Structures are given as C-alpha cells and as structure tokens.
Amino acid sequence: MRSFQVCRCGEPLQLSEKPTPQPAGTQVLLKVLAAGVCHSDLHIWDGFYELGQGKRLDLLARGIKLPLTMGHENVGEVAAAGPGAKGVKIGARMLAHPWMGCGECAICKRGEEQLCKTPRNLGVFSDGGYSDYIMVPHPRYLFDIGDLAPEKVAPLACSGITTFGALKKAGSIIKDEPVVIIGAGGLGLMCLALNTMMGNKGAIVVDIDPVKRDAAKKAGAMAVVDGNVPDAAQQIIKLTGGGAWAAIDYVGSSKTVQLAVDSITKGGKVIVVGLFGGDITVSTPFFPLRAMGIQGSYVGSLPEMKELLDLVRAKGLPPIPLTTRPLDQVSGALDDLRAGKVIGRVVLTPAG
C-alpha cells in the first residue's frame, strides 16, 4: 500500500510503499475512500505549536512519533477485520472517529476519549488516512455511512465534530442570540452550516480575507466583518445589539482571541478552537466583573459523533465548499492550505 509520511518535521512528505497489513484482534482494516486535509496537519508537519513570546510546544516531545502518516478525517470501506471485531461487515462504508484514548481510564469510560491523557488519535499518534489503507483498533470507532458520499462525510470526523462540539459549548443562548464565528476557513464554514442545521439564531462571521468573507455571506451569514479593521469589535457589538453572548474562534491567534474577548457582552463566553498560536493578557477582575468565560474546545466525543451523524441523517450533509484531489497531490493540497488558497475543504480520494 502507498502512504505519504512525515519523516522529518518541516521536510517534504515521503512516499512509503509497504505490504498491506492484516488486522488482528479487534482491529478493522479500511480501504481509504476519502481523507480530508485539515489545517492542524500543518502543525504536525511543522512539529510545533506557537505559544507566543517566542515559545513553542514541541509535538515530538508530546509523544508524536515519526515516520507518521497524517490524515484524521477518514471514510473507508471495510477490507478485513480481526476475529474480535464483532458486527463488522466486509464492504461496509464507515466513518472512522479518530479521537481515540486508552479505552480504559475513567475519562474514556464516560465517552470522552478525546480528553484521554494517553491519546491514540488516528493521523496524530497513530497512522492516518493519507494512505491506501488505514487500521482502526476497534469497531466502536466506526460509523456506517450507508449511501452518503464518502468525500462529503469525511470532514465530519474533524471539521464537523469540532464545530459541533464548540456550538454545543456555546449553550442554549445561541437559539435566540447570534453566535460570532471568527475564521471563515473549513471550520468556520462548517460551523456556519451546522449552526443553521441545529436551528440556531444565525451567525456573524469574521475573517481578514475578502474572498472568505464573501463565501461566508453566500453560505448564509447574517453579516460579515473584516477582522483587520480597527473597529472590528465595535462592529460586532453593534451587530449583536450590545455584544455577543458567544464567540467561537477558529483561528486561535493573539489578535483573534483578543477580538473575541473585546466583542462579548457581560456574561458572554469565548470558545477557542483554533491552534494558530500566540497569547493574550486579560485583567483578572474582568472575569467576575464581566461574568466572562473563556473556554477551550478540543474536537469532540464518541457520543457527540453519533449525535452529529443523527443530525446529518435528519437534515442532510452540511453544504460546505469542497474539492477532491488524488492521494499523490497531498503535498500540494497542504501547501495551498498553508497559503490560504483553500475555500472550504480539500479531500483526498486514494481509491479514486
């Protein structure tokens, strides 16, 4: 099988050709039909996250091992299953939930494996879908997609579950009040679509790129704001009638998190999802005086994945812009993503 791997951080991906592995125990082997290209893969490829003030978080020190096949948004066809993989049908088309923990600790047993302290995430801590095949350790991470289009389902494994989880953290207030979405890339547009599907009030979208703002407007945003203008926060406060009750930041830079903090009303909440990197300073009295909340949101849980797929079956797939490319164009797709040239999502189709 072919796999495109990070062998040294910051260097071009390398093509690896090896015999196709055979599953054992509870393992399930999927023939990859679709693999989404995610912005977080750029951080893995680089090998670090920016922490601000010249500091970096080294990913190899956090347990990522090379060579690594990236790709955590995967849909595949069951090609083989180990003897302990009960209820799996050969040929079934499955979404692979990538956010896997040890499966044994209290966190995992309550269904929040994405928060496990010993993660095994596909495409991060174990090989992912930039390959012809991917090995999934247990059937509990697989969701049958039926006749849904694999390339449209694959982004749900990260872009979908991440934005769904963030919207749920915003709480019931966004049923009646507009949510502010910062960043109109793949995550922001997915959030905009899911916000509508969930029956929420609407969204104000912020981005510095006029092309992406236009895409958000066409996708149904109530209003769009240029995040680069000096009065961006004032515009949001005016559009929300006094400040936002919830602002979800899919960029996660110093500037965008500060903008979110400046844009919320008393009692409002900032939810940080993006991993761009940086830091901010917030005066501690503002937390109680403004009754302000700042919360991180990391992908989503297995129960949330089931809930998201139930929503998709009831309301249809989120209508986000999407382009497909063959597997051997993965490096070009990542380069385009880094350069800000991607609207929506790029999905690789190894079997195409």
Protein backbone atom coordinates (compact mmCIF):
# COMPACT_ATOMS: atom_id res chain seq x y z
CA MET A 1 0.00 0.00 0.00
CA ARG A 2 1.05 3.61 -0.57
CA SER A 3 1.36 6.06 2.31
CA PHE A 4 2.62 9.65 2.35
CA GLN A 5 4.54 10.21 5.58
CA VAL A 6 6.20 12.90 7.65
CA CYS A 7 9.71 11.51 8.17
CA ARG A 8 11.31 14.73 9.40
CA CYS A 9 9.30 17.74 10.55
CA GLY A 10 9.34 20.59 8.05
CA GLU A 11 10.60 18.43 5.18
CA PRO A 12 8.57 17.16 2.19
CA LEU A 13 6.30 14.17 2.75
CA GLN A 14 7.83 10.89 1.63
CA LEU A 15 6.09 8.11 -0.29
CA SER A 16 6.27 4.79 1.52
CA GLU A 17 5.22 1.55 -0.18
CA LYS A 18 4.70 -1.47 2.09
CA PRO A 19 2.62 -4.66 2.12
CA THR A 20 -0.96 -4.06 3.21
CA PRO A 21 -1.25 -5.01 6.92
CA GLN A 22 -3.70 -7.63 8.13
CA PRO A 23 -5.93 -6.93 11.15
CA ALA A 24 -5.66 -8.90 14.39
CA GLY A 25 -7.85 -9.00 17.49
CA THR A 26 -10.44 -6.21 17.34
CA GLN A 27 -8.71 -4.33 14.51
CA VAL A 28 -10.54 -3.32 11.33
CA LEU A 29 -8.74 -2.57 8.06
CA LEU A 30 -10.34 0.12 5.90
CA LYS A 31 -9.61 0.82 2.26
CA VAL A 32 -9.50 4.62 2.29
CA LEU A 33 -12.16 6.22 0.11
CA ALA A 34 -11.79 9.80 1.33
CA ALA A 35 -9.31 11.62 3.59
CA GLY A 36 -9.83 15.27 4.50
CA VAL A 37 -6.89 17.68 4.62
CA CYS A 38 -7.01 19.64 7.89
CA HIS A 39 -5.15 22.78 9.00
CA SER A 40 -3.92 21.03 12.15
CA ASP A 41 -1.89 18.73 9.88
CA LEU A 42 0.30 21.75 9.10
CA HIS A 43 1.25 22.00 12.78
CA ILE A 44 2.06 18.28 12.91
CA TRP A 45 4.11 18.60 9.73
CA ASP A 46 5.97 21.59 11.21
CA GLY A 47 6.39 19.77 14.52
CA PHE A 48 5.24 22.55 16.89
CA TYR A 49 2.56 24.95 18.04
CA GLU A 50 3.36 28.64 18.60
CA LEU A 51 2.80 29.64 22.25
CA GLY A 52 3.64 33.34 21.91
CA GLN A 53 6.63 35.32 23.20
CA GLY A 54 8.97 33.17 21.15
CA LYS A 55 7.91 29.93 22.85
CA ARG A 56 6.90 26.74 21.06
CA LEU A 57 5.23 23.49 22.06
CA ASP A 58 7.27 20.66 20.55
CA LEU A 59 4.96 17.93 19.27
CA LEU A 60 7.59 15.21 19.21
CA ALA A 61 8.11 15.84 22.92
CA ARG A 62 4.36 15.28 23.38
CA GLY A 63 4.61 11.74 22.04
CA ILE A 64 4.13 12.07 18.27
CA LYS A 65 6.46 9.57 16.62
CA LEU A 66 7.96 9.67 13.12
CA PRO A 67 7.56 8.48 10.46
CA LEU A 68 3.87 9.33 10.64
CA THR A 69 1.09 9.03 8.09
CA MET A 70 -1.17 12.03 8.75
CA GLY A 71 -4.86 12.28 7.92
CA HIS A 72 -7.57 12.13 10.59
CA GLU A 73 -10.73 12.80 8.52
CA ASN A 74 -11.31 9.38 7.02
CA VAL A 75 -14.01 7.33 5.37
CA GLY A 76 -13.19 3.85 4.17
CA GLU A 77 -14.60 0.55 3.04
CA VAL A 78 -14.11 -2.41 5.37
CA ALA A 79 -11.50 -4.60 3.69
CA ALA A 80 -10.76 -7.03 6.53
CA ALA A 81 -11.45 -7.47 10.24
CA GLY A 82 -9.78 -9.32 13.10
CA PRO A 83 -11.60 -12.19 14.86
CA GLY A 84 -12.53 -9.93 17.78
CA ALA A 85 -14.11 -7.21 15.61
CA LYS A 86 -17.73 -8.19 16.13
CA GLY A 87 -20.55 -6.95 13.91
CA VAL A 88 -18.34 -5.61 11.13
CA LYS A 89 -19.37 -6.35 7.55
CA ILE A 90 -16.83 -6.56 4.74
CA GLY A 91 -17.61 -3.87 2.18
CA ALA A 92 -19.45 -1.57 4.61
CA ARG A 93 -18.53 2.11 4.22
CA MET A 94 -17.50 3.64 7.52
CA LEU A 95 -16.55 6.98 9.01
CA ALA A 96 -13.60 6.46 11.36
CA HIS A 97 -13.81 8.51 14.56
CA PRO A 98 -10.15 9.49 15.02
CA TRP A 99 -10.13 10.86 18.58
CA MET A 100 -9.20 7.74 20.50
CA GLY A 101 -7.88 7.26 24.03
CA CYS A 102 -6.71 4.27 26.01
CA GLY A 103 -10.27 2.99 26.35
CA GLU A 104 -9.71 2.00 30.00
CA CYS A 105 -9.47 5.16 32.13
CA ALA A 106 -12.43 6.93 33.76
CA ILE A 107 -12.39 9.64 31.07
CA CYS A 108 -12.64 7.08 28.26
CA LYS A 109 -15.33 5.07 30.02
CA ARG A 110 -17.56 8.12 30.22
CA GLY A 111 -17.26 8.52 26.44
CA GLU A 112 -14.78 11.42 26.28
CA GLU A 113 -11.80 9.63 24.77
CA GLN A 114 -10.68 12.86 23.08
CA LEU A 115 -9.60 14.05 26.56
CA CYS A 116 -7.63 10.92 27.48
CA LYS A 117 -4.10 11.57 28.75
CA THR A 118 -2.72 8.73 26.60
CA PRO A 119 -4.25 9.51 23.20
CA ARG A 120 -4.03 7.23 20.15
CA ASN A 121 -5.60 9.63 17.64
CA LEU A 122 -5.56 8.48 14.02
CA GLY A 123 -3.22 10.58 11.91
CA VAL A 124 -1.62 12.10 15.02
CA PHE A 125 -0.41 9.40 17.41
CA SER A 126 -1.06 6.50 15.02
CA ASP A 127 -1.06 6.29 11.22
CA GLY A 128 -3.92 8.00 9.43
CA GLY A 129 -5.57 8.19 6.05
CA TYR A 130 -3.00 9.76 3.71
CA SER A 131 -2.69 6.20 2.50
CA ASP A 132 -4.47 3.47 0.57
CA TYR A 133 -5.44 1.70 3.81
CA ILE A 134 -5.89 2.59 7.46
CA MET A 135 -6.07 0.34 10.53
CA VAL A 136 -8.71 1.14 13.14
CA PRO A 137 -8.19 -0.57 16.52
CA HIS A 138 -11.83 -1.31 17.42
CA PRO A 139 -15.27 -1.27 15.74
CA ARG A 140 -16.58 1.21 18.33
CA TYR A 141 -14.78 3.96 16.40
CA LEU A 142 -16.64 3.17 13.17
CA PHE A 143 -19.94 4.66 12.00
CA ASP A 144 -21.76 3.23 8.99
CA ILE A 145 -22.47 5.99 6.44
CA GLY A 146 -24.72 3.96 4.15
CA ASP A 147 -25.06 5.58 0.74
CA LEU A 148 -23.78 9.04 1.77
CA ALA A 149 -20.94 10.40 -0.39
CA PRO A 150 -17.60 9.49 1.30
CA GLU A 151 -15.87 12.73 0.28
CA LYS A 152 -18.66 14.77 1.87
CA VAL A 153 -18.77 12.70 5.05
CA ALA A 154 -15.00 12.58 5.73
CA PRO A 155 -14.74 16.20 7.01
CA LEU A 156 -17.27 15.37 9.73
CA ALA A 157 -14.53 13.38 11.52
CA CYS A 158 -12.73 16.61 12.48
CA SER A 159 -14.21 19.75 10.95
CA GLY A 160 -17.75 18.54 11.68
CA ILE A 161 -17.30 17.12 15.17
CA THR A 162 -15.04 20.00 16.22
CA THR A 163 -17.53 22.69 15.25
CA PHE A 164 -20.48 20.69 16.56
CA GLY A 165 -18.75 20.32 19.93
CA ALA A 166 -17.93 24.04 20.05
CA LEU A 167 -21.51 25.04 19.21
CA LYS A 168 -22.80 22.81 21.99
CA LYS A 169 -20.41 24.52 24.45
CA ALA A 170 -21.90 27.87 23.46
CA GLY A 171 -25.11 26.69 25.12
CA SER A 172 -28.80 27.25 24.51
CA ILE A 173 -28.37 31.05 24.33
CA ILE A 174 -27.50 30.79 20.61
CA LYS A 175 -31.00 29.55 19.90
CA ASP A 176 -32.08 33.16 20.44
CA GLU A 177 -28.88 35.19 20.01
CA PRO A 178 -26.43 35.27 17.08
CA VAL A 179 -23.12 33.49 17.51
CA VAL A 180 -19.90 35.12 16.31
CA ILE A 181 -17.70 32.82 14.20
CA ILE A 182 -14.10 34.01 13.83
CA GLY A 183 -12.42 32.45 10.79
CA ALA A 184 -14.21 31.51 7.57
CA GLY A 185 -11.97 28.63 6.55
CA GLY A 186 -13.06 25.00 6.55
CA LEU A 187 -14.00 25.03 10.22
CA GLY A 188 -15.79 28.37 10.12
CA LEU A 189 -17.92 27.44 7.11
CA MET A 190 -18.72 24.06 8.65
CA CYS A 191 -19.76 25.82 11.86
CA LEU A 192 -21.96 28.20 9.91
CA ALA A 193 -23.71 25.29 8.18
CA LEU A 194 -24.19 23.25 11.36
CA ASN A 195 -25.43 26.29 13.26
CA THR A 196 -28.23 26.60 10.71
CA MET A 197 -28.96 22.84 10.75
CA MET A 198 -29.24 22.94 14.56
CA GLY A 199 -31.93 25.61 14.31
CA ASN A 200 -29.93 28.38 15.97
CA LYS A 201 -30.50 32.11 15.53
CA GLY A 202 -27.76 32.86 12.98
CA ALA A 203 -24.12 33.85 12.78
CA ILE A 204 -21.85 36.84 12.26
CA VAL A 205 -18.63 35.72 10.56
CA VAL A 206 -15.26 37.45 10.91
CA ASP A 207 -12.32 36.97 8.53
CA ILE A 208 -9.49 39.10 7.18
CA ASP A 209 -9.81 37.59 3.66
CA PRO A 210 -12.50 39.22 1.48
CA VAL A 211 -12.86 36.03 -0.58
CA LYS A 212 -13.63 34.01 2.54
CA ARG A 213 -15.99 36.70 3.86
CA ASP A 214 -17.82 36.52 0.54
CA ALA A 215 -18.01 32.71 0.84
CA ALA A 216 -19.47 33.07 4.33
CA LYS A 217 -22.04 35.61 3.14
CA LYS A 218 -23.09 33.31 0.30
CA ALA A 219 -23.32 30.44 2.80
CA GLY A 220 -25.89 32.32 4.87
CA ALA A 221 -24.05 34.51 7.39
CA MET A 222 -26.22 37.28 8.84
CA ALA A 223 -23.30 39.68 8.46
CA VAL A 224 -19.55 39.57 7.84
CA VAL A 225 -16.81 41.66 9.45
CA ASP A 226 -13.24 42.33 8.36
CA GLY A 227 -11.13 41.27 11.33
CA ASN A 228 -8.31 43.58 10.28
CA VAL A 229 -10.17 46.88 10.66
CA PRO A 230 -9.58 48.87 13.88
CA ASP A 231 -13.27 48.94 14.82
CA ALA A 232 -13.99 45.23 14.26
CA ALA A 233 -15.07 44.74 17.88
CA GLN A 234 -17.32 47.81 17.75
CA GLN A 235 -18.94 46.50 14.56
CA ILE A 236 -19.68 43.17 16.25
CA ILE A 237 -21.08 44.91 19.34
CA LYS A 238 -23.38 46.98 17.14
CA LEU A 239 -24.48 43.99 15.04
CA THR A 240 -25.32 42.00 18.16
CA GLY A 241 -27.13 44.82 19.91
CA GLY A 242 -24.64 45.29 22.73
CA GLY A 243 -22.14 42.48 22.44
CA ALA A 244 -22.08 38.79 21.57
CA TRP A 245 -23.21 36.11 24.01
CA ALA A 246 -20.92 33.60 22.35
CA ALA A 247 -17.87 33.98 20.12
CA ILE A 248 -16.16 30.91 18.69
CA ASP A 249 -12.60 31.46 17.46
CA TYR A 250 -11.44 29.01 14.80
CA VAL A 251 -8.12 30.83 14.30
CA GLY A 252 -6.72 31.00 17.81
CA SER A 253 -4.16 33.78 17.31
CA SER A 254 -3.39 36.52 19.83
CA LYS A 255 -5.34 39.01 17.74
CA THR A 256 -8.43 36.87 17.17
CA VAL A 257 -8.81 35.75 20.78
CA GLN A 258 -8.44 39.36 21.92
CA LEU A 259 -11.08 40.40 19.38
CA ALA A 260 -13.44 37.76 20.74
CA VAL A 261 -12.86 38.94 24.33
CA ASP A 262 -13.49 42.56 23.29
CA SER A 263 -16.68 41.63 21.41
CA ILE A 264 -18.67 39.73 24.04
CA THR A 265 -21.30 41.18 26.35
CA LYS A 266 -21.41 40.86 30.12
CA GLY A 267 -21.99 37.17 30.81
CA GLY A 268 -20.67 36.22 27.38
CA LYS A 269 -18.42 33.31 26.53
CA VAL A 270 -15.37 32.93 24.29
CA ILE A 271 -14.69 29.44 22.93
CA VAL A 272 -11.21 28.95 21.49
CA VAL A 273 -10.79 26.17 18.93
CA GLY A 274 -8.04 27.32 16.55
CA LEU A 275 -4.40 26.42 17.07
CA PHE A 276 -2.66 29.24 15.22
CA GLY A 277 -0.80 30.19 18.38
CA GLY A 278 0.02 33.23 20.45
CA ASP A 279 -1.00 34.67 23.81
CA ILE A 280 -3.18 37.38 25.35
CA THR A 281 -3.34 39.25 28.64
CA VAL A 282 -6.70 39.58 30.40
CA SER A 283 -7.07 41.57 33.62
CA THR A 284 -8.30 39.05 36.19
CA PRO A 285 -11.01 41.34 37.70
CA PHE A 286 -12.76 41.24 34.32
CA PHE A 287 -13.62 37.58 34.80
CA PRO A 288 -16.02 38.27 37.68
CA LEU A 289 -16.91 41.88 36.76
CA ARG A 290 -17.91 40.89 33.23
CA ALA A 291 -19.04 37.40 34.27
CA MET A 292 -16.87 36.35 31.35
CA GLY A 293 -15.96 32.84 30.31
CA ILE A 294 -13.03 31.69 28.16
CA GLN A 295 -13.10 28.00 27.30
CA GLY A 296 -11.09 25.76 25.04
CA SER A 297 -12.78 23.16 22.88
CA TYR A 298 -10.91 20.16 21.53
CA VAL A 299 -12.58 18.12 18.76
CA GLY A 300 -15.47 16.00 20.10
CA SER A 301 -16.54 12.79 21.79
CA LEU A 302 -17.89 9.49 20.50
CA PRO A 303 -21.41 10.32 21.76
CA GLU A 304 -21.22 13.70 20.01
CA MET A 305 -20.18 11.97 16.78
CA LYS A 306 -23.27 9.79 16.97
CA GLU A 307 -25.40 12.86 17.66
CA LEU A 308 -23.85 14.72 14.73
CA LEU A 309 -24.48 11.84 12.33
CA ASP A 310 -28.08 11.62 13.55
CA LEU A 311 -28.42 15.33 12.71
CA VAL A 312 -26.94 14.73 9.24
CA ARG A 313 -29.33 11.86 8.57
CA ALA A 314 -32.25 14.06 9.58
CA LYS A 315 -31.18 17.32 7.89
CA GLY A 316 -28.69 16.29 5.20
CA LEU A 317 -24.97 16.87 4.83
CA PRO A 318 -23.68 20.38 5.62
CA PRO A 319 -23.30 22.28 2.32
CA ILE A 320 -19.67 23.36 2.56
CA PRO A 321 -17.41 24.11 -0.45
CA LEU A 322 -15.36 21.00 -1.22
CA THR A 323 -12.80 19.91 -3.77
CA THR A 324 -11.24 16.48 -4.24
CA ARG A 325 -7.71 15.55 -5.27
CA PRO A 326 -5.89 12.24 -5.78
CA LEU A 327 -3.71 10.97 -2.94
CA ASP A 328 -0.45 11.81 -4.70
CA GLN A 329 -1.37 15.52 -4.61
CA VAL A 330 -1.40 15.64 -0.81
CA SER A 331 1.69 17.89 -0.57
CA GLY A 332 0.18 20.40 -2.98
CA ALA A 333 -3.06 20.39 -1.01
CA LEU A 334 -1.18 21.13 2.22
CA ASP A 335 0.79 23.91 0.52
CA ASP A 336 -2.41 25.51 -0.77
CA LEU A 337 -3.94 25.27 2.70
CA ARG A 338 -0.92 26.97 4.25
CA ALA A 339 -1.09 29.74 1.64
CA GLY A 340 -4.76 30.40 2.41
CA LYS A 341 -5.89 29.32 -1.06
CA VAL A 342 -8.44 26.73 0.10
CA ILE A 343 -12.11 27.66 0.41
CA GLY A 344 -13.92 25.05 2.50
CA ARG A 345 -12.24 21.64 2.46
CA VAL A 346 -9.91 19.58 0.27
CA VAL A 347 -10.48 15.82 0.41
CA LEU A 348 -8.07 13.22 -0.95
CA THR A 349 -9.53 10.23 -2.76
CA PRO A 350 -6.96 7.40 -2.70
CA ALA A 351 -9.33 4.93 -4.33
CA GLY A 352 -10.47 7.38 -7.00
